Amino acid sequence: MMTWSLEMQYQGFSKKHQKKKHLNRICVQATLYLALNYLAVSSLNNETGIYFFILCCINACLPRTEAITSYWDVIYDDLKEIERLNKDSDAKLYTATLSDDSCTELVLRCFLDELNIIVYECGNQTKKEITESHVSHVKINIGLNDSDNNSVPEGCKQCEQFQEEDFATFMESFIKLVSKFFSESKGRTSAHTRSGSRS
């Protein structure tokens, strides 16, 4: 079984981040168009202009590498909205606790499965659709790969073995866990930036 790591969550994208990437790509393409339009006409008649044109074409085909972006802040916002929408819920939910880092994926899967219960228990249709949308964003941004849910690493509990808690306690535990991951990823990103600036 592939173990979950914080880096795996970067595979998911929220709509907000997709729009930002799309806008960045458009800006780059517009800049290249203007540069090529100006230079192509004036310099394609010499060798330097041809080299520049070829390098621009190669650059347009290369995959983009971007700085590590944490989506834990977006997940946190979605969870807060789910909590606000369903504050009157009387659901009892399995509330996982992270006792060992090797159980991280299993704990996150448990929380995500229980979010489905919250959606199921929503009263009116409008609240259900909004909650479902936020739950979907949380799942996408956490970015767990579909894997065999039946295999449990040694020393980890299955979801049903955790204590059942009320909705408020469940959300508080999930938000604390997300906050922990957010602060860890922030610390890693700033450490990476500091070490990169020393080089």
N, C-alpha and C. Protein backbone atom coordinates (compact mmCIF):
# COMPACT_ATOMS: atom_id res chain seq x y z
N MET A 1 0.84 -1.18 0.00
CA MET A 1 0.00 0.00 0.00
C MET A 1 0.88 1.23 0.00
N MET A 2 0.55 2.16 -0.81
CA MET A 2 1.32 3.40 -0.88
C MET A 2 0.95 4.28 0.30
N THR A 3 1.95 4.74 1.05
CA THR A 3 1.65 5.57 2.19
C THR A 3 1.42 7.00 1.76
N TRP A 4 0.56 7.66 2.49
CA TRP A 4 0.19 9.03 2.18
C TRP A 4 1.24 9.97 2.74
N SER A 5 1.55 11.02 2.01
CA SER A 5 2.45 12.05 2.52
C SER A 5 1.83 13.40 2.22
N LEU A 6 2.34 14.43 2.88
CA LEU A 6 1.80 15.77 2.68
C LEU A 6 1.97 16.22 1.24
N GLU A 7 3.03 15.74 0.57
CA GLU A 7 3.26 16.16 -0.81
C GLU A 7 2.17 15.65 -1.75
N MET A 8 1.52 14.52 -1.40
CA MET A 8 0.48 13.97 -2.27
C MET A 8 -0.72 14.91 -2.37
N GLN A 9 -0.93 15.71 -1.34
CA GLN A 9 -2.10 16.59 -1.37
C GLN A 9 -1.96 17.70 -2.39
N TYR A 10 -0.74 17.93 -2.90
CA TYR A 10 -0.56 18.99 -3.88
C TYR A 10 -1.11 18.60 -5.24
N GLN A 11 -1.48 17.33 -5.41
CA GLN A 11 -2.03 16.89 -6.69
C GLN A 11 -3.43 17.46 -6.90
N GLY A 12 -4.14 17.75 -5.83
CA GLY A 12 -5.49 18.27 -5.95
C GLY A 12 -5.47 19.77 -6.18
N PHE A 13 -6.47 20.26 -6.90
CA PHE A 13 -6.53 21.69 -7.17
C PHE A 13 -7.94 22.17 -6.91
N SER A 14 -8.05 23.28 -6.24
CA SER A 14 -9.37 23.90 -6.08
C SER A 14 -9.62 24.78 -7.30
N LYS A 15 -10.85 25.19 -7.47
CA LYS A 15 -11.20 26.03 -8.62
C LYS A 15 -10.44 27.34 -8.56
N LYS A 16 -10.25 27.87 -7.36
CA LYS A 16 -9.54 29.14 -7.21
C LYS A 16 -8.11 29.02 -7.75
N HIS A 17 -7.44 27.91 -7.45
CA HIS A 17 -6.07 27.74 -7.91
C HIS A 17 -6.01 27.44 -9.40
N GLN A 18 -7.00 26.75 -9.93
CA GLN A 18 -7.03 26.48 -11.36
C GLN A 18 -7.18 27.78 -12.14
N LYS A 19 -8.02 28.69 -11.66
CA LYS A 19 -8.20 29.97 -12.35
C LYS A 19 -6.91 30.77 -12.32
N LYS A 20 -6.22 30.76 -11.18
CA LYS A 20 -4.97 31.51 -11.06
C LYS A 20 -3.93 30.97 -12.03
N LYS A 21 -3.81 29.64 -12.12
CA LYS A 21 -2.85 29.03 -13.05
C LYS A 21 -3.20 29.39 -14.48
N HIS A 22 -4.51 29.37 -14.78
CA HIS A 22 -4.95 29.68 -16.13
C HIS A 22 -4.58 31.13 -16.49
N LEU A 23 -4.79 32.05 -15.56
CA LEU A 23 -4.44 33.45 -15.81
C LEU A 23 -2.94 33.63 -15.98
N ASN A 24 -2.14 32.92 -15.17
CA ASN A 24 -0.68 33.00 -15.31
C ASN A 24 -0.24 32.50 -16.68
N ARG A 25 -0.85 31.42 -17.13
CA ARG A 25 -0.50 30.85 -18.43
C ARG A 25 -0.85 31.82 -19.56
N ILE A 26 -1.99 32.49 -19.43
CA ILE A 26 -2.40 33.47 -20.45
C ILE A 26 -1.41 34.63 -20.50
N CYS A 27 -0.96 35.10 -19.33
CA CYS A 27 0.01 36.21 -19.29
C CYS A 27 1.31 35.82 -19.98
N VAL A 28 1.78 34.61 -19.72
CA VAL A 28 3.03 34.14 -20.34
C VAL A 28 2.85 34.04 -21.85
N GLN A 29 1.73 33.49 -22.27
CA GLN A 29 1.49 33.34 -23.70
C GLN A 29 1.37 34.69 -24.40
N ALA A 30 0.72 35.65 -23.74
CA ALA A 30 0.59 36.99 -24.34
C ALA A 30 1.95 37.66 -24.46
N THR A 31 2.79 37.52 -23.44
CA THR A 31 4.14 38.10 -23.48
C THR A 31 4.96 37.48 -24.59
N LEU A 32 4.90 36.16 -24.69
CA LEU A 32 5.64 35.49 -25.76
C LEU A 32 5.12 35.92 -27.14
N TYR A 33 3.83 36.08 -27.26
CA TYR A 33 3.26 36.49 -28.54
C TYR A 33 3.79 37.87 -28.94
N LEU A 34 3.76 38.80 -27.99
CA LEU A 34 4.24 40.15 -28.30
C LEU A 34 5.73 40.15 -28.63
N ALA A 35 6.51 39.40 -27.85
CA ALA A 35 7.95 39.33 -28.11
C ALA A 35 8.22 38.72 -29.48
N LEU A 36 7.53 37.63 -29.78
CA LEU A 36 7.75 36.97 -31.06
C LEU A 36 7.26 37.83 -32.22
N ASN A 37 6.13 38.50 -32.02
CA ASN A 37 5.60 39.34 -33.07
C ASN A 37 6.59 40.46 -33.43
N TYR A 38 7.17 41.07 -32.41
CA TYR A 38 8.13 42.15 -32.65
C TYR A 38 9.44 41.61 -33.23
N LEU A 39 9.95 40.56 -32.57
CA LEU A 39 11.26 40.04 -32.98
C LEU A 39 11.21 39.23 -34.27
N ALA A 40 10.11 38.53 -34.46
CA ALA A 40 10.03 37.66 -35.64
C ALA A 40 10.12 38.48 -36.92
N VAL A 41 9.40 39.57 -36.93
CA VAL A 41 9.39 40.39 -38.13
C VAL A 41 10.76 41.00 -38.37
N SER A 42 11.39 41.48 -37.29
CA SER A 42 12.64 42.21 -37.47
C SER A 42 13.89 41.34 -37.49
N SER A 43 13.85 40.18 -36.85
CA SER A 43 15.10 39.44 -36.71
C SER A 43 15.11 38.01 -37.25
N LEU A 44 14.05 37.57 -37.85
CA LEU A 44 14.08 36.22 -38.40
C LEU A 44 14.97 36.14 -39.64
N ASN A 45 15.41 37.26 -40.09
CA ASN A 45 16.29 37.26 -41.25
C ASN A 45 17.74 36.98 -40.87
N ASN A 46 18.05 36.96 -39.57
CA ASN A 46 19.43 36.65 -39.18
C ASN A 46 19.45 35.41 -38.28
N GLU A 47 20.63 34.91 -38.02
CA GLU A 47 20.82 33.66 -37.29
C GLU A 47 20.36 33.78 -35.84
N THR A 48 20.61 34.88 -35.17
CA THR A 48 20.22 35.08 -33.77
C THR A 48 18.71 35.02 -33.60
N GLY A 49 17.99 35.62 -34.50
CA GLY A 49 16.53 35.61 -34.45
C GLY A 49 15.97 34.21 -34.59
N ILE A 50 16.59 33.40 -35.43
CA ILE A 50 16.13 32.02 -35.61
C ILE A 50 16.38 31.22 -34.33
N TYR A 51 17.56 31.40 -33.70
CA TYR A 51 17.84 30.71 -32.44
C TYR A 51 16.84 31.12 -31.35
N PHE A 52 16.56 32.41 -31.28
CA PHE A 52 15.61 32.90 -30.30
C PHE A 52 14.22 32.28 -30.53
N PHE A 53 13.80 32.22 -31.76
CA PHE A 53 12.51 31.63 -32.10
C PHE A 53 12.45 30.16 -31.70
N ILE A 54 13.51 29.42 -31.98
CA ILE A 54 13.55 27.99 -31.62
C ILE A 54 13.51 27.81 -30.11
N LEU A 55 14.26 28.63 -29.37
CA LEU A 55 14.24 28.54 -27.90
C LEU A 55 12.86 28.87 -27.33
N CYS A 56 12.18 29.84 -27.91
CA CYS A 56 10.82 30.17 -27.45
C CYS A 56 9.86 29.00 -27.69
N CYS A 57 9.99 28.35 -28.82
CA CYS A 57 9.14 27.19 -29.11
C CYS A 57 9.42 26.05 -28.14
N ILE A 58 10.69 25.83 -27.84
CA ILE A 58 11.04 24.77 -26.88
C ILE A 58 10.49 25.13 -25.50
N ASN A 59 10.63 26.39 -25.10
CA ASN A 59 10.14 26.84 -23.80
C ASN A 59 8.63 26.64 -23.67
N ALA A 60 7.90 26.88 -24.73
CA ALA A 60 6.45 26.72 -24.70
C ALA A 60 6.04 25.26 -24.50
N CYS A 61 6.90 24.32 -24.89
CA CYS A 61 6.57 22.90 -24.78
C CYS A 61 7.04 22.28 -23.46
N LEU A 62 7.94 22.94 -22.74
CA LEU A 62 8.47 22.38 -21.50
C LEU A 62 7.42 22.42 -20.40
N PRO A 63 7.41 21.40 -19.53
CA PRO A 63 6.47 21.44 -18.41
C PRO A 63 6.86 22.53 -17.42
N ARG A 64 5.87 23.13 -16.79
CA ARG A 64 6.11 24.20 -15.84
C ARG A 64 6.37 23.61 -14.46
N THR A 65 7.31 24.17 -13.76
CA THR A 65 7.53 23.81 -12.36
C THR A 65 7.20 25.04 -11.53
N GLU A 66 6.41 24.81 -10.51
CA GLU A 66 5.98 25.92 -9.67
C GLU A 66 6.38 25.64 -8.23
N ALA A 67 6.42 26.68 -7.44
CA ALA A 67 6.75 26.54 -6.03
C ALA A 67 5.67 25.71 -5.35
N ILE A 68 6.06 25.00 -4.32
CA ILE A 68 5.11 24.19 -3.57
C ILE A 68 4.07 25.11 -2.95
N THR A 69 2.82 24.81 -3.21
CA THR A 69 1.73 25.61 -2.67
C THR A 69 0.92 24.73 -1.73
N SER A 70 0.65 25.25 -0.58
CA SER A 70 -0.13 24.48 0.39
C SER A 70 -1.61 24.74 0.17
N TYR A 71 -2.38 23.68 0.13
CA TYR A 71 -3.83 23.82 0.01
C TYR A 71 -4.52 23.60 1.35
N TRP A 72 -3.73 23.42 2.41
CA TRP A 72 -4.34 23.20 3.71
C TRP A 72 -5.16 24.40 4.14
N ASP A 73 -4.77 25.61 3.73
CA ASP A 73 -5.55 26.79 4.10
C ASP A 73 -6.92 26.78 3.42
N VAL A 74 -6.97 26.29 2.19
CA VAL A 74 -8.24 26.19 1.47
C VAL A 74 -9.11 25.10 2.11
N ILE A 75 -8.48 23.99 2.48
CA ILE A 75 -9.21 22.90 3.15
C ILE A 75 -9.78 23.41 4.47
N TYR A 76 -8.97 24.17 5.20
CA TYR A 76 -9.41 24.74 6.48
C TYR A 76 -10.65 25.60 6.27
N ASP A 77 -10.63 26.46 5.27
CA ASP A 77 -11.78 27.33 4.98
C ASP A 77 -13.03 26.51 4.65
N ASP A 78 -12.86 25.45 3.84
CA ASP A 78 -14.00 24.60 3.50
C ASP A 78 -14.57 23.91 4.75
N LEU A 79 -13.68 23.43 5.62
CA LEU A 79 -14.14 22.76 6.84
C LEU A 79 -14.89 23.74 7.75
N LYS A 80 -14.40 24.95 7.85
CA LYS A 80 -15.08 25.96 8.67
C LYS A 80 -16.48 26.24 8.11
N GLU A 81 -16.59 26.25 6.79
CA GLU A 81 -17.90 26.49 6.17
C GLU A 81 -18.84 25.30 6.40
N ILE A 82 -18.31 24.09 6.32
CA ILE A 82 -19.12 22.89 6.61
C ILE A 82 -19.61 22.95 8.06
N GLU A 83 -18.70 23.34 8.96
CA GLU A 83 -19.05 23.45 10.38
C GLU A 83 -20.15 24.49 10.58
N ARG A 84 -20.02 25.63 9.92
CA ARG A 84 -21.01 26.70 10.06
C ARG A 84 -22.38 26.27 9.54
N LEU A 85 -22.39 25.61 8.37
CA LEU A 85 -23.65 25.20 7.75
C LEU A 85 -24.40 24.14 8.57
N ASN A 86 -23.65 23.28 9.25
CA ASN A 86 -24.26 22.12 9.91
C ASN A 86 -24.13 22.17 11.42
N LYS A 87 -24.02 23.37 11.99
CA LYS A 87 -23.78 23.49 13.43
C LYS A 87 -24.89 22.86 14.28
N ASP A 88 -26.09 22.73 13.71
CA ASP A 88 -27.20 22.14 14.45
C ASP A 88 -27.33 20.63 14.24
N SER A 89 -26.34 20.02 13.60
CA SER A 89 -26.39 18.58 13.32
C SER A 89 -26.25 17.78 14.61
N ASP A 90 -27.02 16.70 14.70
CA ASP A 90 -26.92 15.83 15.87
C ASP A 90 -26.27 14.48 15.50
N ALA A 91 -25.52 14.47 14.41
CA ALA A 91 -24.88 13.23 13.94
C ALA A 91 -23.79 12.79 14.90
N LYS A 92 -23.65 11.49 15.05
CA LYS A 92 -22.55 10.88 15.81
C LYS A 92 -21.57 10.32 14.78
N LEU A 93 -20.33 10.75 14.87
CA LEU A 93 -19.34 10.42 13.84
C LEU A 93 -18.09 9.83 14.47
N TYR A 94 -17.49 8.83 13.77
CA TYR A 94 -16.23 8.27 14.23
C TYR A 94 -15.17 9.36 14.12
N THR A 95 -14.56 9.69 15.24
CA THR A 95 -13.59 10.79 15.29
C THR A 95 -12.20 10.21 15.49
N ALA A 96 -11.43 10.20 14.42
CA ALA A 96 -10.10 9.60 14.44
C ALA A 96 -9.10 10.50 15.17
N THR A 97 -8.11 9.87 15.74
CA THR A 97 -7.00 10.60 16.36
C THR A 97 -5.71 10.09 15.75
N LEU A 98 -4.79 11.00 15.53
CA LEU A 98 -3.51 10.64 14.90
C LEU A 98 -2.49 10.38 15.99
N SER A 99 -2.26 9.10 16.27
CA SER A 99 -1.30 8.74 17.31
C SER A 99 0.07 8.42 16.71
N ASP A 100 0.07 8.07 15.42
CA ASP A 100 1.32 7.68 14.76
C ASP A 100 1.30 8.24 13.34
N ASP A 101 2.43 8.79 12.90
CA ASP A 101 2.48 9.39 11.56
C ASP A 101 2.26 8.37 10.44
N SER A 102 2.51 7.09 10.71
CA SER A 102 2.29 6.08 9.68
C SER A 102 0.79 5.86 9.43
N CYS A 103 -0.04 6.37 10.33
CA CYS A 103 -1.50 6.20 10.19
C CYS A 103 -2.17 7.42 9.57
N THR A 104 -1.41 8.38 9.09
CA THR A 104 -1.97 9.63 8.59
C THR A 104 -3.00 9.41 7.49
N GLU A 105 -2.65 8.59 6.52
CA GLU A 105 -3.58 8.36 5.40
C GLU A 105 -4.88 7.74 5.90
N LEU A 106 -4.78 6.78 6.79
CA LEU A 106 -5.97 6.10 7.31
C LEU A 106 -6.86 7.07 8.10
N VAL A 107 -6.24 7.92 8.90
CA VAL A 107 -6.99 8.90 9.68
C VAL A 107 -7.71 9.89 8.75
N LEU A 108 -7.00 10.37 7.73
CA LEU A 108 -7.64 11.29 6.78
C LEU A 108 -8.79 10.62 6.04
N ARG A 109 -8.59 9.37 5.64
CA ARG A 109 -9.68 8.64 4.96
C ARG A 109 -10.90 8.50 5.87
N CYS A 110 -10.65 8.26 7.15
CA CYS A 110 -11.75 8.14 8.11
C CYS A 110 -12.52 9.46 8.19
N PHE A 111 -11.80 10.56 8.33
CA PHE A 111 -12.47 11.86 8.38
C PHE A 111 -13.26 12.12 7.09
N LEU A 112 -12.68 11.80 5.95
CA LEU A 112 -13.36 12.04 4.68
C LEU A 112 -14.61 11.17 4.55
N ASP A 113 -14.53 9.92 5.00
CA ASP A 113 -15.71 9.05 4.96
C ASP A 113 -16.83 9.60 5.84
N GLU A 114 -16.45 10.11 6.99
CA GLU A 114 -17.46 10.65 7.90
C GLU A 114 -18.07 11.95 7.36
N LEU A 115 -17.33 12.69 6.55
CA LEU A 115 -17.91 13.88 5.92
C LEU A 115 -19.09 13.49 5.02
N ASN A 116 -19.01 12.31 4.42
CA ASN A 116 -20.14 11.83 3.60
C ASN A 116 -21.39 11.64 4.44
N ILE A 117 -21.22 11.22 5.70
CA ILE A 117 -22.36 11.06 6.61
C ILE A 117 -23.01 12.42 6.86
N ILE A 118 -22.17 13.44 7.03
CA ILE A 118 -22.69 14.79 7.26
C ILE A 118 -23.55 15.23 6.07
N VAL A 119 -23.05 14.98 4.86
CA VAL A 119 -23.82 15.34 3.65
C VAL A 119 -25.15 14.58 3.64
N TYR A 120 -25.09 13.29 3.96
CA TYR A 120 -26.29 12.45 3.95
C TYR A 120 -27.33 12.95 4.96
N GLU A 121 -26.85 13.45 6.09
CA GLU A 121 -27.77 13.85 7.16
C GLU A 121 -28.26 15.30 7.03
N CYS A 122 -27.80 16.02 6.01
CA CYS A 122 -28.27 17.40 5.82
C CYS A 122 -29.78 17.40 5.61
N GLY A 123 -30.45 18.37 6.22
CA GLY A 123 -31.90 18.44 6.13
C GLY A 123 -32.40 18.90 4.78
N ASN A 124 -32.25 20.18 4.49
CA ASN A 124 -32.83 20.69 3.24
C ASN A 124 -31.86 20.54 2.07
N GLN A 125 -32.40 20.57 0.89
CA GLN A 125 -31.65 20.29 -0.34
C GLN A 125 -30.56 21.33 -0.61
N THR A 126 -30.86 22.60 -0.37
CA THR A 126 -29.88 23.65 -0.63
C THR A 126 -28.65 23.48 0.26
N LYS A 127 -28.88 23.27 1.55
CA LYS A 127 -27.77 23.06 2.49
C LYS A 127 -26.99 21.81 2.12
N LYS A 128 -27.69 20.79 1.67
CA LYS A 128 -27.03 19.54 1.28
C LYS A 128 -26.11 19.77 0.08
N GLU A 129 -26.59 20.52 -0.92
CA GLU A 129 -25.78 20.78 -2.12
C GLU A 129 -24.54 21.62 -1.79
N ILE A 130 -24.70 22.62 -0.95
CA ILE A 130 -23.56 23.47 -0.57
C ILE A 130 -22.55 22.66 0.23
N THR A 131 -23.04 21.89 1.19
CA THR A 131 -22.15 21.05 2.00
C THR A 131 -21.43 20.04 1.12
N GLU A 132 -22.15 19.43 0.20
CA GLU A 132 -21.56 18.45 -0.72
C GLU A 132 -20.44 19.09 -1.55
N SER A 133 -20.65 20.33 -1.97
CA SER A 133 -19.64 21.04 -2.74
C SER A 133 -18.38 21.26 -1.91
N HIS A 134 -18.54 21.68 -0.67
CA HIS A 134 -17.39 21.89 0.21
C HIS A 134 -16.67 20.57 0.52
N VAL A 135 -17.44 19.52 0.74
CA VAL A 135 -16.84 18.21 1.00
C VAL A 135 -16.04 17.76 -0.22
N SER A 136 -16.58 17.99 -1.40
CA SER A 136 -15.88 17.63 -2.63
C SER A 136 -14.56 18.39 -2.75
N HIS A 137 -14.57 19.69 -2.43
CA HIS A 137 -13.34 20.48 -2.48
C HIS A 137 -12.31 19.97 -1.49
N VAL A 138 -12.77 19.59 -0.29
CA VAL A 138 -11.85 19.05 0.72
C VAL A 138 -11.20 17.78 0.19
N LYS A 139 -12.00 16.89 -0.39
CA LYS A 139 -11.46 15.63 -0.91
C LYS A 139 -10.46 15.87 -2.04
N ILE A 140 -10.78 16.77 -2.94
CA ILE A 140 -9.89 17.06 -4.06
C ILE A 140 -8.58 17.66 -3.56
N ASN A 141 -8.66 18.60 -2.63
CA ASN A 141 -7.46 19.27 -2.14
C ASN A 141 -6.59 18.40 -1.25
N ILE A 142 -7.18 17.46 -0.55
CA ILE A 142 -6.36 16.52 0.23
C ILE A 142 -5.63 15.59 -0.73
N GLY A 143 -6.29 15.21 -1.80
CA GLY A 143 -5.63 14.49 -2.89
C GLY A 143 -5.17 13.09 -2.57
N LEU A 144 -5.93 12.35 -1.80
CA LEU A 144 -5.58 10.95 -1.55
C LEU A 144 -5.86 10.13 -2.79
N ASN A 145 -4.92 9.29 -3.15
CA ASN A 145 -5.13 8.40 -4.29
C ASN A 145 -6.10 7.30 -3.91
N ASP A 146 -6.84 6.82 -4.89
CA ASP A 146 -7.70 5.67 -4.64
C ASP A 146 -6.82 4.45 -4.45
N SER A 147 -6.91 3.87 -3.30
CA SER A 147 -6.12 2.67 -3.03
C SER A 147 -6.98 1.70 -2.25
N ASP A 148 -6.39 0.59 -1.91
CA ASP A 148 -7.10 -0.45 -1.19
C ASP A 148 -7.39 0.03 0.23
N ASN A 149 -8.65 0.31 0.52
CA ASN A 149 -9.02 0.81 1.85
C ASN A 149 -9.05 -0.30 2.89
N ASN A 150 -8.96 -1.55 2.47
CA ASN A 150 -9.06 -2.66 3.41
C ASN A 150 -7.75 -2.93 4.13
N SER A 151 -6.63 -2.51 3.58
CA SER A 151 -5.36 -2.78 4.23
C SER A 151 -5.07 -1.71 5.28
N VAL A 152 -4.81 -2.17 6.49
CA VAL A 152 -4.56 -1.28 7.61
C VAL A 152 -3.12 -1.51 8.08
N PRO A 153 -2.29 -0.45 8.07
CA PRO A 153 -0.92 -0.61 8.55
C PRO A 153 -0.91 -1.08 10.01
N GLU A 154 0.14 -1.78 10.38
CA GLU A 154 0.27 -2.31 11.73
C GLU A 154 0.28 -1.15 12.73
N GLY A 155 -0.48 -1.30 13.79
CA GLY A 155 -0.54 -0.28 14.83
C GLY A 155 -1.59 0.79 14.58
N CYS A 156 -2.29 0.73 13.45
CA CYS A 156 -3.32 1.71 13.14
C CYS A 156 -4.71 1.11 13.35
N LYS A 157 -5.66 1.97 13.66
CA LYS A 157 -7.04 1.52 13.85
C LYS A 157 -7.85 1.75 12.58
N GLN A 158 -8.85 0.90 12.40
CA GLN A 158 -9.83 1.16 11.35
C GLN A 158 -10.78 2.24 11.86
N CYS A 159 -11.46 2.87 10.95
CA CYS A 159 -12.33 4.00 11.29
C CYS A 159 -13.36 3.62 12.36
N GLU A 160 -13.95 2.45 12.23
CA GLU A 160 -15.00 2.02 13.15
C GLU A 160 -14.49 1.74 14.56
N GLN A 161 -13.17 1.69 14.73
CA GLN A 161 -12.60 1.44 16.05
C GLN A 161 -12.39 2.71 16.86
N PHE A 162 -12.57 3.86 16.23
CA PHE A 162 -12.44 5.12 16.95
C PHE A 162 -13.74 5.44 17.68
N GLN A 163 -13.64 6.32 18.65
CA GLN A 163 -14.77 6.74 19.46
C GLN A 163 -15.76 7.54 18.61
N GLU A 164 -17.05 7.31 18.81
CA GLU A 164 -18.07 8.13 18.17
C GLU A 164 -18.25 9.40 18.98
N GLU A 165 -18.20 10.53 18.29
CA GLU A 165 -18.35 11.82 18.96
C GLU A 165 -19.44 12.62 18.25
N ASP A 166 -19.88 13.69 18.90
CA ASP A 166 -20.88 14.55 18.27
C ASP A 166 -20.22 15.37 17.16
N PHE A 167 -21.06 16.05 16.38
CA PHE A 167 -20.59 16.79 15.22
C PHE A 167 -19.55 17.84 15.58
N ALA A 168 -19.79 18.60 16.65
CA ALA A 168 -18.88 19.69 17.03
C ALA A 168 -17.49 19.14 17.37
N THR A 169 -17.43 18.05 18.11
CA THR A 169 -16.15 17.45 18.49
C THR A 169 -15.43 16.90 17.26
N PHE A 170 -16.19 16.27 16.37
CA PHE A 170 -15.62 15.74 15.13
C PHE A 170 -14.97 16.85 14.31
N MET A 171 -15.71 17.94 14.10
CA MET A 171 -15.19 19.05 13.30
C MET A 171 -13.99 19.70 13.98
N GLU A 172 -14.04 19.85 15.29
CA GLU A 172 -12.92 20.43 16.02
C GLU A 172 -11.66 19.59 15.84
N SER A 173 -11.80 18.26 15.91
CA SER A 173 -10.65 17.36 15.73
C SER A 173 -10.09 17.44 14.31
N PHE A 174 -10.99 17.45 13.32
CA PHE A 174 -10.56 17.51 11.92
C PHE A 174 -9.86 18.85 11.64
N ILE A 175 -10.42 19.93 12.13
CA ILE A 175 -9.83 21.25 11.91
C ILE A 175 -8.47 21.36 12.60
N LYS A 176 -8.33 20.78 13.80
CA LYS A 176 -7.03 20.78 14.48
C LYS A 176 -5.99 20.02 13.67
N LEU A 177 -6.39 18.89 13.12
CA LEU A 177 -5.47 18.09 12.31
C LEU A 177 -5.03 18.86 11.06
N VAL A 178 -5.98 19.49 10.39
CA VAL A 178 -5.67 20.28 9.19
C VAL A 178 -4.76 21.45 9.56
N SER A 179 -5.03 22.10 10.69
CA SER A 179 -4.18 23.22 11.14
C SER A 179 -2.75 22.74 11.40
N LYS A 180 -2.62 21.55 11.96
CA LYS A 180 -1.30 20.98 12.21
C LYS A 180 -0.56 20.76 10.89
N PHE A 181 -1.23 20.18 9.91
CA PHE A 181 -0.60 19.96 8.61
C PHE A 181 -0.25 21.28 7.93
N PHE A 182 -1.14 22.27 8.09
CA PHE A 182 -0.90 23.58 7.49
C PHE A 182 0.36 24.21 8.08
N SER A 183 0.49 24.18 9.40
CA SER A 183 1.67 24.79 10.02
C SER A 183 2.94 24.01 9.67
N GLU A 184 2.85 22.67 9.55
CA GLU A 184 4.01 21.87 9.14
C GLU A 184 4.43 22.19 7.71
N SER A 185 3.46 22.30 6.82
CA SER A 185 3.80 22.59 5.42
C SER A 185 4.33 24.01 5.27
N LYS A 186 3.83 24.94 6.08
CA LYS A 186 4.33 26.30 6.07
C LYS A 186 5.79 26.34 6.54
N GLY A 187 6.07 25.57 7.59
CA GLY A 187 7.44 25.50 8.10
C GLY A 187 8.39 24.89 7.10
N ARG A 188 7.94 23.85 6.41
CA ARG A 188 8.77 23.20 5.39
C ARG A 188 9.02 24.14 4.22
N THR A 189 7.99 24.87 3.81
CA THR A 189 8.12 25.79 2.67
C THR A 189 9.09 26.92 3.01
N SER A 190 8.99 27.49 4.22
CA SER A 190 9.90 28.58 4.59
C SER A 190 11.32 28.06 4.77
N ALA A 191 11.48 26.83 5.29
CA ALA A 191 12.82 26.25 5.41
C ALA A 191 13.41 26.00 4.03
N HIS A 192 12.58 25.54 3.09
CA HIS A 192 13.02 25.30 1.71
C HIS A 192 13.43 26.62 1.06
N THR A 193 12.68 27.68 1.31
CA THR A 193 12.98 28.99 0.74
C THR A 193 14.29 29.53 1.31
N ARG A 194 14.49 29.39 2.62
CA ARG A 194 15.73 29.86 3.24
C ARG A 194 16.93 29.10 2.71
N SER A 195 16.82 27.77 2.59
CA SER A 195 17.96 26.99 2.10
C SER A 195 18.24 27.29 0.63
N GLY A 196 17.20 27.60 -0.14
CA GLY A 196 17.37 27.93 -1.55
C GLY A 196 18.04 29.29 -1.72
N SER A 197 17.79 30.24 -0.82
CA SER A 197 18.37 31.56 -0.94
C SER A 197 19.84 31.57 -0.54
N ARG A 198 20.28 30.59 0.26
CA ARG A 198 21.68 30.50 0.65
C ARG A 198 22.56 29.97 -0.46
N SER A 199 21.97 29.21 -1.39
CA SER A 199 22.75 28.59 -2.47
C SER A 199 23.29 29.61 -3.43
